[in-house]
Amino acid sequence: MEFDQVVFSRRSIRGYAERDVTDEQVRALIAYGHCAPSGGNLREWIFIVVRSDEGKQRLTECTFQGRERTNAPQQWIATAPVVIAVIADRAKVRERYGAAALDALPYLDCSAAVENMLLGAVNLGLASCYISGFRERELAAALQLPEDFEAVALLPVGYAAQEGVERPHVTEAEVTFFERYGERQAP
């Protein structure tokens, strides 16, 4: 698939066909994520692959819909054949850069890995969705994460059972400035 086609056809898919994702495809997604850039080449991400129905349901129960953490879980996540949890090793960041780096670096780096994986899924003919609506402590317990490991995202992965819809968004011109904020014309 051409890169432009991969980028512009990526959608957040919330319904999956009853078709398995191969181990080879999962390994490819993890390789895409692991190739992402990271501050100081730290690569503080960890990937946890969950395939069992019980495991996927356990993760799903930690999620919520909308803004309220008390809202119902996103039950559709459990319908994906695979859910990949992207985890940040905060101790690794602290050891290299100090506590001040914990405010942003783990999230920036892991998000770069997530984006590679989302685009990689499209390239492999798969679909996914970036899930960040979860209760962190519950998810850490469900995944039995060691102290200082923090979940950044859940990526349900499968074959799309529905076509994703393009979301309305602002145009590139509305978010692009030249030389300083507010300058719409290139020099």
Foldseek 3Di string as FASTA:
>chain_A
DDLVCLVVQAFAFLAFDPDADDPVLVVQLQVLLLPFDAVVNLSQKDKDKDQDLVLQVLLQQQFAPDDDSPHGGSVSLSNFRIKIWIKGQQVSVCVVPNPVCSVPRRLVSNVRSVVSSSSSCVVVQKHKHWGQGGDWVSNCVSVVPDPRMTTNTMIRMHHHPDRGDDDDDDDPLVVDAEPDPPHSDHD
